[in-house]
Structures are given as structure tokens and as C-alpha cells.
Amino acid sequence: MTPLNRADGLAGMCSLLDLDCTVVPSSSGAFAVKQFVSAHSDWDVAELLGGSDSEPAEAAELAAQLSRLSRAGAVLMTADLATDVGIESGLSGTITARHFTNGQPGEEASAGLLLSSMDQVVEDILLGVINADDVPGAVKSSEIQAPRAMRWFGRGLRRPPQ
């Protein structure tokens, strides 16, 4: 999650920083999505303790880079989910949130409180209900050329039309 309002502006900046992600527009601001396959082969109680060691390194790097774009920083939200694991049936796992400022990880935040104040599309993507590429207006940063990225980034700093 970033304080940038426009998906094309954020995608342009991600392209210029050589960050490969899908940028999704939402009413609560544009956000970058990068999907990872869980590195956990077996469940471990340490996963419940969270912390920066449980976040995918590439996701933390993306959040660190994006946090340098504004004084407000960025929030990294991760979901480690699985279906029908152990004695649990259906979807289970954890969703975490961590604030990044000026490239550095900060304190964990309440993922539930953050999700309750955001557009539903954020939760839908985290839970796998919808793929980020399928959201109308989503932009892949890897498909943007440098001149277009500069134009889009300039637009992304302005407020969208109301």
C-alpha cells in the first residue's frame, strides 16, 4: 500500500526502479502486488510469531523501495494461506502488515484494522479471490517503457479527478 493515488503513476515509478509487480488501482490508493509461492514445506509454530524473518525477501525489498517515494512510507501486507492443511478444512493461514519508512522495516501493524479501512479489492487479492492482473485498470510495471513511465509517474503525484 502506498500514498500514491494513481496506478499508472505508481507503475511508472516501479518500472523506473526496475521493480517487477502488478499495480492495482483502488479507492484507497494504488498498491503494488507481487505473488510468491510459500517457502514453507511444513507448518512451523514460528510462523505464528511473525516478524520480518517470515516475510518473503523480495516482498520486503519491494516495500522498502516503495517506502522511499513519500514521507508516509508504505505498508507491506503478506498472506501465507493454504487450503485443507492438517486438521483444518478450507482456507487458513495468516495475513500480516508491516510499515516501511525510508527503506527500513518498522513495526507490525494490525492487518485486520488496515483491511477494514481499505477497498475490498485489497482483501480479495490477498485471499486469492481475484488475481491482481484481472482487476480493471491494473498495470504490469514490466510492460512500461521509460518515457511512458516518466509521464505516468508525473501524473501519479497529482490527485485523480473527482
N, C-alpha and C. Protein backbone atom coordinates (compact mmCIF):
# COMPACT_ATOMS: atom_id res chain seq x y z
N MET A 1 0.85 -1.16 0.00
CA MET A 1 0.00 0.00 0.00
C MET A 1 0.90 1.23 0.00
N THR A 2 0.54 2.21 -0.81
CA THR A 2 1.31 3.44 -0.93
C THR A 2 0.38 4.65 -0.86
N PRO A 3 0.93 5.84 -0.63
CA PRO A 3 0.08 7.03 -0.64
C PRO A 3 -0.18 7.58 -2.04
N LEU A 4 0.36 6.93 -3.09
CA LEU A 4 0.11 7.39 -4.45
C LEU A 4 -1.32 7.04 -4.84
N ASN A 5 -1.97 7.97 -5.54
CA ASN A 5 -3.38 7.77 -5.87
C ASN A 5 -3.62 7.01 -7.16
N ARG A 6 -2.70 7.14 -8.11
CA ARG A 6 -2.95 6.58 -9.45
C ARG A 6 -2.08 5.34 -9.69
N ALA A 7 -2.71 4.31 -10.23
CA ALA A 7 -1.99 3.07 -10.52
C ALA A 7 -0.94 3.29 -11.60
N ASP A 8 -1.25 4.08 -12.63
CA ASP A 8 -0.27 4.27 -13.69
C ASP A 8 0.95 5.03 -13.19
N GLY A 9 0.78 5.98 -12.27
CA GLY A 9 1.91 6.69 -11.70
C GLY A 9 2.80 5.79 -10.88
N LEU A 10 2.20 4.94 -10.05
CA LEU A 10 2.98 4.00 -9.24
C LEU A 10 3.65 2.97 -10.13
N ALA A 11 2.95 2.49 -11.15
CA ALA A 11 3.54 1.51 -12.08
C ALA A 11 4.73 2.13 -12.81
N GLY A 12 4.61 3.40 -13.18
CA GLY A 12 5.71 4.09 -13.83
C GLY A 12 6.93 4.16 -12.94
N MET A 13 6.74 4.49 -11.67
CA MET A 13 7.86 4.55 -10.74
C MET A 13 8.46 3.16 -10.52
N CYS A 14 7.62 2.14 -10.39
CA CYS A 14 8.13 0.78 -10.22
C CYS A 14 8.96 0.37 -11.44
N SER A 15 8.51 0.76 -12.62
CA SER A 15 9.25 0.46 -13.84
C SER A 15 10.61 1.14 -13.83
N LEU A 16 10.64 2.41 -13.44
CA LEU A 16 11.90 3.15 -13.39
C LEU A 16 12.86 2.57 -12.36
N LEU A 17 12.33 2.02 -11.28
CA LEU A 17 13.16 1.40 -10.24
C LEU A 17 13.47 -0.06 -10.54
N ASP A 18 12.99 -0.54 -11.69
CA ASP A 18 13.19 -1.93 -12.11
C ASP A 18 12.57 -2.92 -11.13
N LEU A 19 11.38 -2.56 -10.60
CA LEU A 19 10.63 -3.43 -9.69
C LEU A 19 9.53 -4.10 -10.49
N ASP A 20 9.54 -5.41 -10.53
CA ASP A 20 8.55 -6.16 -11.29
C ASP A 20 7.35 -6.47 -10.39
N CYS A 21 6.20 -5.87 -10.71
CA CYS A 21 4.99 -6.08 -9.93
C CYS A 21 3.78 -5.68 -10.77
N THR A 22 2.62 -5.97 -10.27
CA THR A 22 1.37 -5.52 -10.87
C THR A 22 0.82 -4.44 -9.96
N VAL A 23 0.49 -3.28 -10.53
CA VAL A 23 -0.04 -2.18 -9.73
C VAL A 23 -1.54 -2.10 -9.97
N VAL A 24 -2.28 -2.06 -8.86
CA VAL A 24 -3.74 -2.13 -8.90
C VAL A 24 -4.33 -0.83 -8.37
N PRO A 25 -5.29 -0.27 -9.10
CA PRO A 25 -5.97 0.93 -8.58
C PRO A 25 -7.03 0.53 -7.55
N SER A 26 -7.26 1.42 -6.60
CA SER A 26 -8.36 1.20 -5.66
C SER A 26 -8.79 2.54 -5.11
N SER A 27 -9.94 2.59 -4.49
CA SER A 27 -10.43 3.84 -3.92
C SER A 27 -9.59 4.28 -2.72
N SER A 28 -8.82 3.35 -2.14
CA SER A 28 -7.96 3.71 -1.00
C SER A 28 -6.52 3.96 -1.43
N GLY A 29 -6.25 4.06 -2.73
CA GLY A 29 -4.91 4.34 -3.23
C GLY A 29 -4.38 3.17 -4.04
N ALA A 30 -3.40 3.47 -4.88
CA ALA A 30 -2.80 2.41 -5.70
C ALA A 30 -1.92 1.52 -4.83
N PHE A 31 -1.85 0.24 -5.19
CA PHE A 31 -0.97 -0.66 -4.45
C PHE A 31 -0.30 -1.65 -5.40
N ALA A 32 0.90 -2.06 -5.01
CA ALA A 32 1.70 -2.98 -5.82
C ALA A 32 1.49 -4.40 -5.30
N VAL A 33 1.39 -5.34 -6.24
CA VAL A 33 1.15 -6.75 -5.89
C VAL A 33 2.25 -7.59 -6.50
N LYS A 34 2.81 -8.47 -5.68
CA LYS A 34 3.79 -9.44 -6.16
C LYS A 34 3.43 -10.76 -5.48
N GLN A 35 3.18 -11.77 -6.28
CA GLN A 35 2.75 -13.05 -5.73
C GLN A 35 3.94 -13.99 -5.59
N PHE A 36 3.99 -14.69 -4.46
CA PHE A 36 5.06 -15.64 -4.16
C PHE A 36 4.45 -16.97 -3.76
N VAL A 37 5.19 -18.02 -4.00
CA VAL A 37 4.80 -19.33 -3.50
C VAL A 37 5.45 -19.48 -2.13
N SER A 38 4.71 -19.98 -1.18
CA SER A 38 5.22 -20.11 0.19
C SER A 38 6.49 -20.94 0.23
N ALA A 39 7.44 -20.51 1.02
CA ALA A 39 8.69 -21.24 1.18
C ALA A 39 8.56 -22.33 2.23
N HIS A 40 7.41 -22.39 2.90
CA HIS A 40 7.22 -23.38 3.97
C HIS A 40 6.76 -24.71 3.39
N SER A 41 7.55 -25.75 3.61
CA SER A 41 7.12 -27.07 3.16
C SER A 41 6.26 -27.73 4.23
N ASP A 42 6.57 -27.46 5.47
CA ASP A 42 5.78 -27.96 6.60
C ASP A 42 5.45 -26.78 7.50
N TRP A 43 4.34 -26.90 8.19
CA TRP A 43 3.95 -25.84 9.11
C TRP A 43 4.90 -25.81 10.28
N ASP A 44 5.23 -24.61 10.75
CA ASP A 44 6.13 -24.43 11.88
C ASP A 44 5.50 -23.41 12.81
N VAL A 45 5.55 -23.67 14.12
CA VAL A 45 4.96 -22.76 15.09
C VAL A 45 5.60 -21.37 15.00
N ALA A 46 6.82 -21.27 14.52
CA ALA A 46 7.49 -19.97 14.38
C ALA A 46 6.75 -19.05 13.42
N GLU A 47 5.96 -19.62 12.51
CA GLU A 47 5.19 -18.81 11.58
C GLU A 47 4.19 -17.93 12.30
N LEU A 48 3.68 -18.39 13.45
CA LEU A 48 2.71 -17.61 14.21
C LEU A 48 3.34 -16.40 14.87
N LEU A 49 4.65 -16.45 15.08
CA LEU A 49 5.34 -15.36 15.75
C LEU A 49 5.60 -14.19 14.81
N GLY A 50 5.54 -14.44 13.50
CA GLY A 50 5.70 -13.37 12.52
C GLY A 50 7.08 -12.77 12.56
N GLY A 51 7.13 -11.46 12.34
CA GLY A 51 8.41 -10.76 12.31
C GLY A 51 8.93 -10.66 10.89
N SER A 52 9.95 -9.85 10.73
CA SER A 52 10.47 -9.60 9.38
C SER A 52 11.12 -10.83 8.78
N ASP A 53 11.51 -11.82 9.60
CA ASP A 53 12.11 -13.04 9.06
C ASP A 53 11.10 -13.89 8.31
N SER A 54 9.81 -13.71 8.59
CA SER A 54 8.79 -14.53 7.95
C SER A 54 8.28 -13.92 6.64
N GLU A 55 8.73 -12.71 6.31
CA GLU A 55 8.30 -12.05 5.08
C GLU A 55 9.21 -12.46 3.93
N PRO A 56 8.64 -12.71 2.75
CA PRO A 56 9.49 -13.01 1.60
C PRO A 56 10.46 -11.86 1.34
N ALA A 57 11.73 -12.18 1.10
CA ALA A 57 12.76 -11.15 0.92
C ALA A 57 12.42 -10.20 -0.23
N GLU A 58 11.89 -10.74 -1.33
CA GLU A 58 11.54 -9.89 -2.48
C GLU A 58 10.40 -8.94 -2.15
N ALA A 59 9.45 -9.40 -1.33
CA ALA A 59 8.35 -8.54 -0.93
C ALA A 59 8.85 -7.41 -0.04
N ALA A 60 9.74 -7.74 0.89
CA ALA A 60 10.31 -6.72 1.77
C ALA A 60 11.12 -5.71 0.97
N GLU A 61 11.85 -6.16 -0.05
CA GLU A 61 12.62 -5.26 -0.89
C GLU A 61 11.70 -4.33 -1.67
N LEU A 62 10.59 -4.85 -2.20
CA LEU A 62 9.62 -4.03 -2.91
C LEU A 62 9.05 -2.96 -1.97
N ALA A 63 8.66 -3.35 -0.78
CA ALA A 63 8.11 -2.39 0.19
C ALA A 63 9.15 -1.36 0.59
N ALA A 64 10.39 -1.78 0.77
CA ALA A 64 11.46 -0.85 1.13
C ALA A 64 11.66 0.20 0.05
N GLN A 65 11.69 -0.24 -1.21
CA GLN A 65 11.86 0.69 -2.33
C GLN A 65 10.67 1.65 -2.43
N LEU A 66 9.47 1.14 -2.31
CA LEU A 66 8.27 1.98 -2.41
C LEU A 66 8.17 2.96 -1.24
N SER A 67 8.70 2.58 -0.08
CA SER A 67 8.61 3.45 1.09
C SER A 67 9.46 4.71 0.93
N ARG A 68 10.39 4.69 0.00
CA ARG A 68 11.22 5.87 -0.25
C ARG A 68 10.53 6.92 -1.11
N LEU A 69 9.37 6.59 -1.65
CA LEU A 69 8.66 7.50 -2.55
C LEU A 69 7.93 8.63 -1.82
N SER A 70 7.66 8.48 -0.53
CA SER A 70 6.97 9.53 0.20
C SER A 70 7.35 9.47 1.67
N ARG A 71 7.09 10.56 2.36
CA ARG A 71 7.38 10.60 3.80
C ARG A 71 6.50 9.63 4.57
N ALA A 72 5.32 9.34 4.04
CA ALA A 72 4.39 8.43 4.72
C ALA A 72 4.85 6.98 4.66
N GLY A 73 5.75 6.67 3.72
CA GLY A 73 6.24 5.30 3.59
C GLY A 73 5.26 4.40 2.87
N ALA A 74 5.33 3.12 3.15
CA ALA A 74 4.47 2.12 2.53
C ALA A 74 4.18 1.03 3.56
N VAL A 75 3.14 0.28 3.29
CA VAL A 75 2.78 -0.85 4.17
C VAL A 75 2.88 -2.12 3.36
N LEU A 76 3.62 -3.09 3.88
CA LEU A 76 3.73 -4.41 3.26
C LEU A 76 2.69 -5.31 3.92
N MET A 77 1.79 -5.85 3.10
CA MET A 77 0.83 -6.82 3.60
C MET A 77 1.13 -8.15 2.94
N THR A 78 1.26 -9.19 3.74
CA THR A 78 1.54 -10.52 3.21
C THR A 78 0.47 -11.49 3.69
N ALA A 79 0.20 -12.47 2.86
CA ALA A 79 -0.76 -13.52 3.21
C ALA A 79 -0.08 -14.87 2.97
N ASP A 80 0.01 -15.66 4.00
CA ASP A 80 0.55 -17.02 3.89
C ASP A 80 -0.64 -17.95 4.13
N LEU A 81 -1.24 -18.38 3.02
CA LEU A 81 -2.50 -19.12 3.09
C LEU A 81 -2.38 -20.47 2.42
N ALA A 82 -3.20 -21.40 2.88
CA ALA A 82 -3.26 -22.73 2.28
C ALA A 82 -4.68 -23.27 2.46
N THR A 83 -5.00 -24.24 1.66
CA THR A 83 -6.32 -24.86 1.73
C THR A 83 -6.19 -26.28 2.25
N ASP A 84 -7.07 -26.65 3.18
CA ASP A 84 -7.13 -28.01 3.73
C ASP A 84 -5.76 -28.48 4.24
N VAL A 85 -5.24 -27.77 5.23
CA VAL A 85 -3.94 -28.12 5.82
C VAL A 85 -4.16 -28.76 7.18
N GLY A 86 -3.53 -29.90 7.39
CA GLY A 86 -3.65 -30.59 8.68
C GLY A 86 -5.09 -30.92 8.99
N ILE A 87 -5.52 -30.56 10.19
CA ILE A 87 -6.88 -30.86 10.61
C ILE A 87 -7.87 -29.78 10.18
N GLU A 88 -7.36 -28.68 9.60
CA GLU A 88 -8.22 -27.58 9.18
C GLU A 88 -8.72 -27.80 7.77
N SER A 89 -10.00 -27.54 7.57
CA SER A 89 -10.54 -27.62 6.22
C SER A 89 -10.86 -26.21 5.74
N GLY A 90 -10.71 -26.00 4.46
CA GLY A 90 -10.94 -24.67 3.89
C GLY A 90 -9.67 -23.83 3.93
N LEU A 91 -9.82 -22.56 3.69
CA LEU A 91 -8.70 -21.64 3.63
C LEU A 91 -8.27 -21.25 5.04
N SER A 92 -6.98 -21.34 5.32
CA SER A 92 -6.45 -20.94 6.62
C SER A 92 -5.06 -20.36 6.43
N GLY A 93 -4.60 -19.64 7.42
CA GLY A 93 -3.26 -19.05 7.36
C GLY A 93 -3.23 -17.71 8.08
N THR A 94 -2.24 -16.89 7.72
CA THR A 94 -2.07 -15.61 8.39
C THR A 94 -1.91 -14.48 7.37
N ILE A 95 -2.40 -13.32 7.75
CA ILE A 95 -2.18 -12.09 6.99
C ILE A 95 -1.46 -11.14 7.93
N THR A 96 -0.35 -10.58 7.47
CA THR A 96 0.43 -9.67 8.30
C THR A 96 0.59 -8.33 7.59
N ALA A 97 0.92 -7.33 8.39
CA ALA A 97 1.18 -5.99 7.84
C ALA A 97 2.36 -5.39 8.59
N ARG A 98 3.24 -4.73 7.84
CA ARG A 98 4.40 -4.06 8.44
C ARG A 98 4.61 -2.73 7.72
N HIS A 99 4.83 -1.69 8.49
CA HIS A 99 5.09 -0.36 7.94
C HIS A 99 6.57 -0.23 7.58
N PHE A 100 6.84 0.34 6.41
CA PHE A 100 8.20 0.62 5.98
C PHE A 100 8.33 2.13 5.80
N THR A 101 9.40 2.70 6.30
CA THR A 101 9.67 4.13 6.14
C THR A 101 11.11 4.32 5.72
N ASN A 102 11.30 5.11 4.66
CA ASN A 102 12.64 5.42 4.18
C ASN A 102 13.49 4.17 3.96
N GLY A 103 12.87 3.13 3.43
CA GLY A 103 13.59 1.90 3.09
C GLY A 103 13.82 0.94 4.24
N GLN A 104 13.33 1.27 5.43
CA GLN A 104 13.57 0.43 6.60
C GLN A 104 12.27 -0.16 7.13
N PRO A 105 12.30 -1.45 7.52
CA PRO A 105 11.09 -2.04 8.11
C PRO A 105 10.83 -1.45 9.48
N GLY A 106 9.56 -1.22 9.77
CA GLY A 106 9.18 -0.68 11.07
C GLY A 106 8.36 -1.70 11.85
N GLU A 107 7.47 -1.18 12.65
CA GLU A 107 6.64 -2.03 13.49
C GLU A 107 5.56 -2.73 12.68
N GLU A 108 5.12 -3.87 13.20
CA GLU A 108 3.99 -4.56 12.60
C GLU A 108 2.74 -3.75 12.88
N ALA A 109 1.79 -3.83 11.97
CA ALA A 109 0.50 -3.15 12.13
C ALA A 109 -0.60 -4.21 12.14
N SER A 110 -1.76 -3.83 12.59
CA SER A 110 -2.90 -4.74 12.61
C SER A 110 -3.46 -4.89 11.20
N ALA A 111 -3.26 -6.05 10.61
CA ALA A 111 -3.74 -6.30 9.24
C ALA A 111 -5.26 -6.18 9.18
N GLY A 112 -5.95 -6.64 10.20
CA GLY A 112 -7.42 -6.57 10.21
C GLY A 112 -7.93 -5.14 10.22
N LEU A 113 -7.31 -4.29 11.03
CA LEU A 113 -7.73 -2.88 11.06
C LEU A 113 -7.44 -2.19 9.74
N LEU A 114 -6.29 -2.49 9.15
CA LEU A 114 -5.96 -1.89 7.86
C LEU A 114 -6.95 -2.34 6.78
N LEU A 115 -7.22 -3.63 6.74
CA LEU A 115 -8.13 -4.15 5.72
C LEU A 115 -9.54 -3.58 5.86
N SER A 116 -9.96 -3.32 7.08
CA SER A 116 -11.31 -2.79 7.28
C SER A 116 -11.46 -1.37 6.75
N SER A 117 -10.34 -0.66 6.57
CA SER A 117 -10.42 0.71 6.07
C SER A 117 -10.04 0.82 4.60
N MET A 118 -9.79 -0.30 3.96
CA MET A 118 -9.36 -0.28 2.56
C MET A 118 -10.45 -0.82 1.63
N ASP A 119 -10.22 -0.57 0.37
CA ASP A 119 -11.09 -1.06 -0.68
C ASP A 119 -11.14 -2.59 -0.61
N GLN A 120 -12.27 -3.18 -0.91
CA GLN A 120 -12.46 -4.63 -0.85
C GLN A 120 -11.50 -5.38 -1.77
N VAL A 121 -11.05 -4.76 -2.85
CA VAL A 121 -10.16 -5.42 -3.79
C VAL A 121 -8.84 -5.82 -3.13
N VAL A 122 -8.40 -5.09 -2.13
CA VAL A 122 -7.16 -5.43 -1.41
C VAL A 122 -7.32 -6.79 -0.74
N GLU A 123 -8.39 -6.96 0.00
CA GLU A 123 -8.64 -8.23 0.68
C GLU A 123 -8.86 -9.35 -0.33
N ASP A 124 -9.59 -9.08 -1.39
CA ASP A 124 -9.85 -10.10 -2.41
C ASP A 124 -8.56 -10.61 -3.03
N ILE A 125 -7.61 -9.72 -3.27
CA ILE A 125 -6.32 -10.15 -3.83
C ILE A 125 -5.52 -10.93 -2.80
N LEU A 126 -5.48 -10.45 -1.56
CA LEU A 126 -4.74 -11.17 -0.51
C LEU A 126 -5.28 -12.58 -0.29
N LEU A 127 -6.59 -12.74 -0.36
CA LEU A 127 -7.20 -14.05 -0.12
C LEU A 127 -7.24 -14.92 -1.38
N GLY A 128 -6.84 -14.36 -2.51
CA GLY A 128 -6.82 -15.13 -3.74
C GLY A 128 -8.17 -15.24 -4.42
N VAL A 129 -9.12 -14.40 -4.03
CA VAL A 129 -10.44 -14.40 -4.65
C VAL A 129 -10.34 -13.92 -6.09
N ILE A 130 -9.46 -12.95 -6.32
CA ILE A 130 -9.24 -12.40 -7.65
C ILE A 130 -7.73 -12.24 -7.86
N ASN A 131 -7.31 -12.42 -9.09
CA ASN A 131 -5.91 -12.22 -9.46
C ASN A 131 -5.70 -10.74 -9.73
N ALA A 132 -4.58 -10.18 -9.29
CA ALA A 132 -4.29 -8.75 -9.48
C ALA A 132 -4.35 -8.36 -10.95
N ASP A 133 -3.90 -9.23 -11.84
CA ASP A 133 -3.90 -8.92 -13.27
C ASP A 133 -5.31 -8.79 -13.84
N ASP A 134 -6.30 -9.35 -13.15
CA ASP A 134 -7.68 -9.33 -13.63
C ASP A 134 -8.48 -8.12 -13.16
N VAL A 135 -7.90 -7.30 -12.30
CA VAL A 135 -8.60 -6.12 -11.80
C VAL A 135 -8.59 -5.04 -12.89
N PRO A 136 -9.73 -4.45 -13.21
CA PRO A 136 -9.75 -3.39 -14.23
C PRO A 136 -8.81 -2.24 -13.85
N GLY A 137 -7.97 -1.84 -14.79
CA GLY A 137 -7.03 -0.75 -14.56
C GLY A 137 -5.68 -1.19 -14.03
N ALA A 138 -5.51 -2.50 -13.77
CA ALA A 138 -4.22 -2.99 -13.27
C ALA A 138 -3.15 -2.84 -14.35
N VAL A 139 -1.92 -2.52 -13.93
CA VAL A 139 -0.82 -2.27 -14.85
C VAL A 139 0.40 -3.08 -14.40
N LYS A 140 1.01 -3.82 -15.33
CA LYS A 140 2.25 -4.55 -15.04
C LYS A 140 3.42 -3.59 -15.24
N SER A 141 4.23 -3.42 -14.23
CA SER A 141 5.35 -2.48 -14.33
C SER A 141 6.38 -2.92 -15.36
N SER A 142 6.49 -4.21 -15.59
CA SER A 142 7.49 -4.73 -16.54
C SER A 142 7.13 -4.42 -17.99
N GLU A 143 5.89 -4.01 -18.24
CA GLU A 143 5.46 -3.74 -19.61
C GLU A 143 5.49 -2.26 -19.97
N ILE A 144 6.05 -1.42 -19.09
CA ILE A 144 6.06 0.02 -19.31
C ILE A 144 7.44 0.46 -19.81
N GLN A 145 7.46 1.26 -20.87
CA GLN A 145 8.69 1.83 -21.40
C GLN A 145 9.06 3.09 -20.60
N ALA A 146 10.35 3.44 -20.55
CA ALA A 146 10.84 4.55 -19.73
C ALA A 146 10.15 5.89 -20.00
N PRO A 147 9.98 6.35 -21.26
CA PRO A 147 9.32 7.65 -21.46
C PRO A 147 7.88 7.67 -20.92
N ARG A 148 7.17 6.58 -21.15
CA ARG A 148 5.79 6.49 -20.65
C ARG A 148 5.81 6.47 -19.13
N ALA A 149 6.78 5.77 -18.54
CA ALA A 149 6.89 5.69 -17.08
C ALA A 149 7.06 7.08 -16.48
N MET A 150 7.88 7.93 -17.09
CA MET A 150 8.10 9.28 -16.57
C MET A 150 6.80 10.09 -16.62
N ARG A 151 6.06 9.99 -17.71
CA ARG A 151 4.78 10.70 -17.83
C ARG A 151 3.79 10.20 -16.78
N TRP A 152 3.68 8.89 -16.66
CA TRP A 152 2.74 8.31 -15.72
C TRP A 152 3.10 8.66 -14.28
N PHE A 153 4.39 8.64 -13.96
CA PHE A 153 4.80 8.97 -12.60
C PHE A 153 4.43 10.41 -12.28
N GLY A 154 4.64 11.32 -13.24
CA GLY A 154 4.26 12.71 -13.03
C GLY A 154 2.77 12.86 -12.75
N ARG A 155 1.96 12.10 -13.46
CA ARG A 155 0.52 12.12 -13.23
C ARG A 155 0.15 11.51 -11.88
N GLY A 156 0.92 10.50 -11.47
CA GLY A 156 0.61 9.80 -10.23
C GLY A 156 0.78 10.66 -8.99
N LEU A 157 1.56 11.73 -9.11
CA LEU A 157 1.77 12.61 -7.96
C LEU A 157 0.61 13.58 -7.77
N ARG A 158 -0.23 13.73 -8.80
CA ARG A 158 -1.38 14.62 -8.71
C ARG A 158 -2.60 13.83 -8.24
N ARG A 159 -3.54 14.51 -7.67
CA ARG A 159 -4.78 13.87 -7.23
C ARG A 159 -5.60 13.47 -8.45
N PRO A 160 -6.27 12.31 -8.40
CA PRO A 160 -7.11 11.90 -9.52
C PRO A 160 -8.34 12.80 -9.60
N PRO A 161 -8.94 12.91 -10.81
CA PRO A 161 -10.16 13.73 -10.93
C PRO A 161 -11.27 13.15 -10.08
N GLN A 162 -12.03 13.99 -9.45
CA GLN A 162 -13.13 13.55 -8.56
C GLN A 162 -14.43 13.47 -9.31
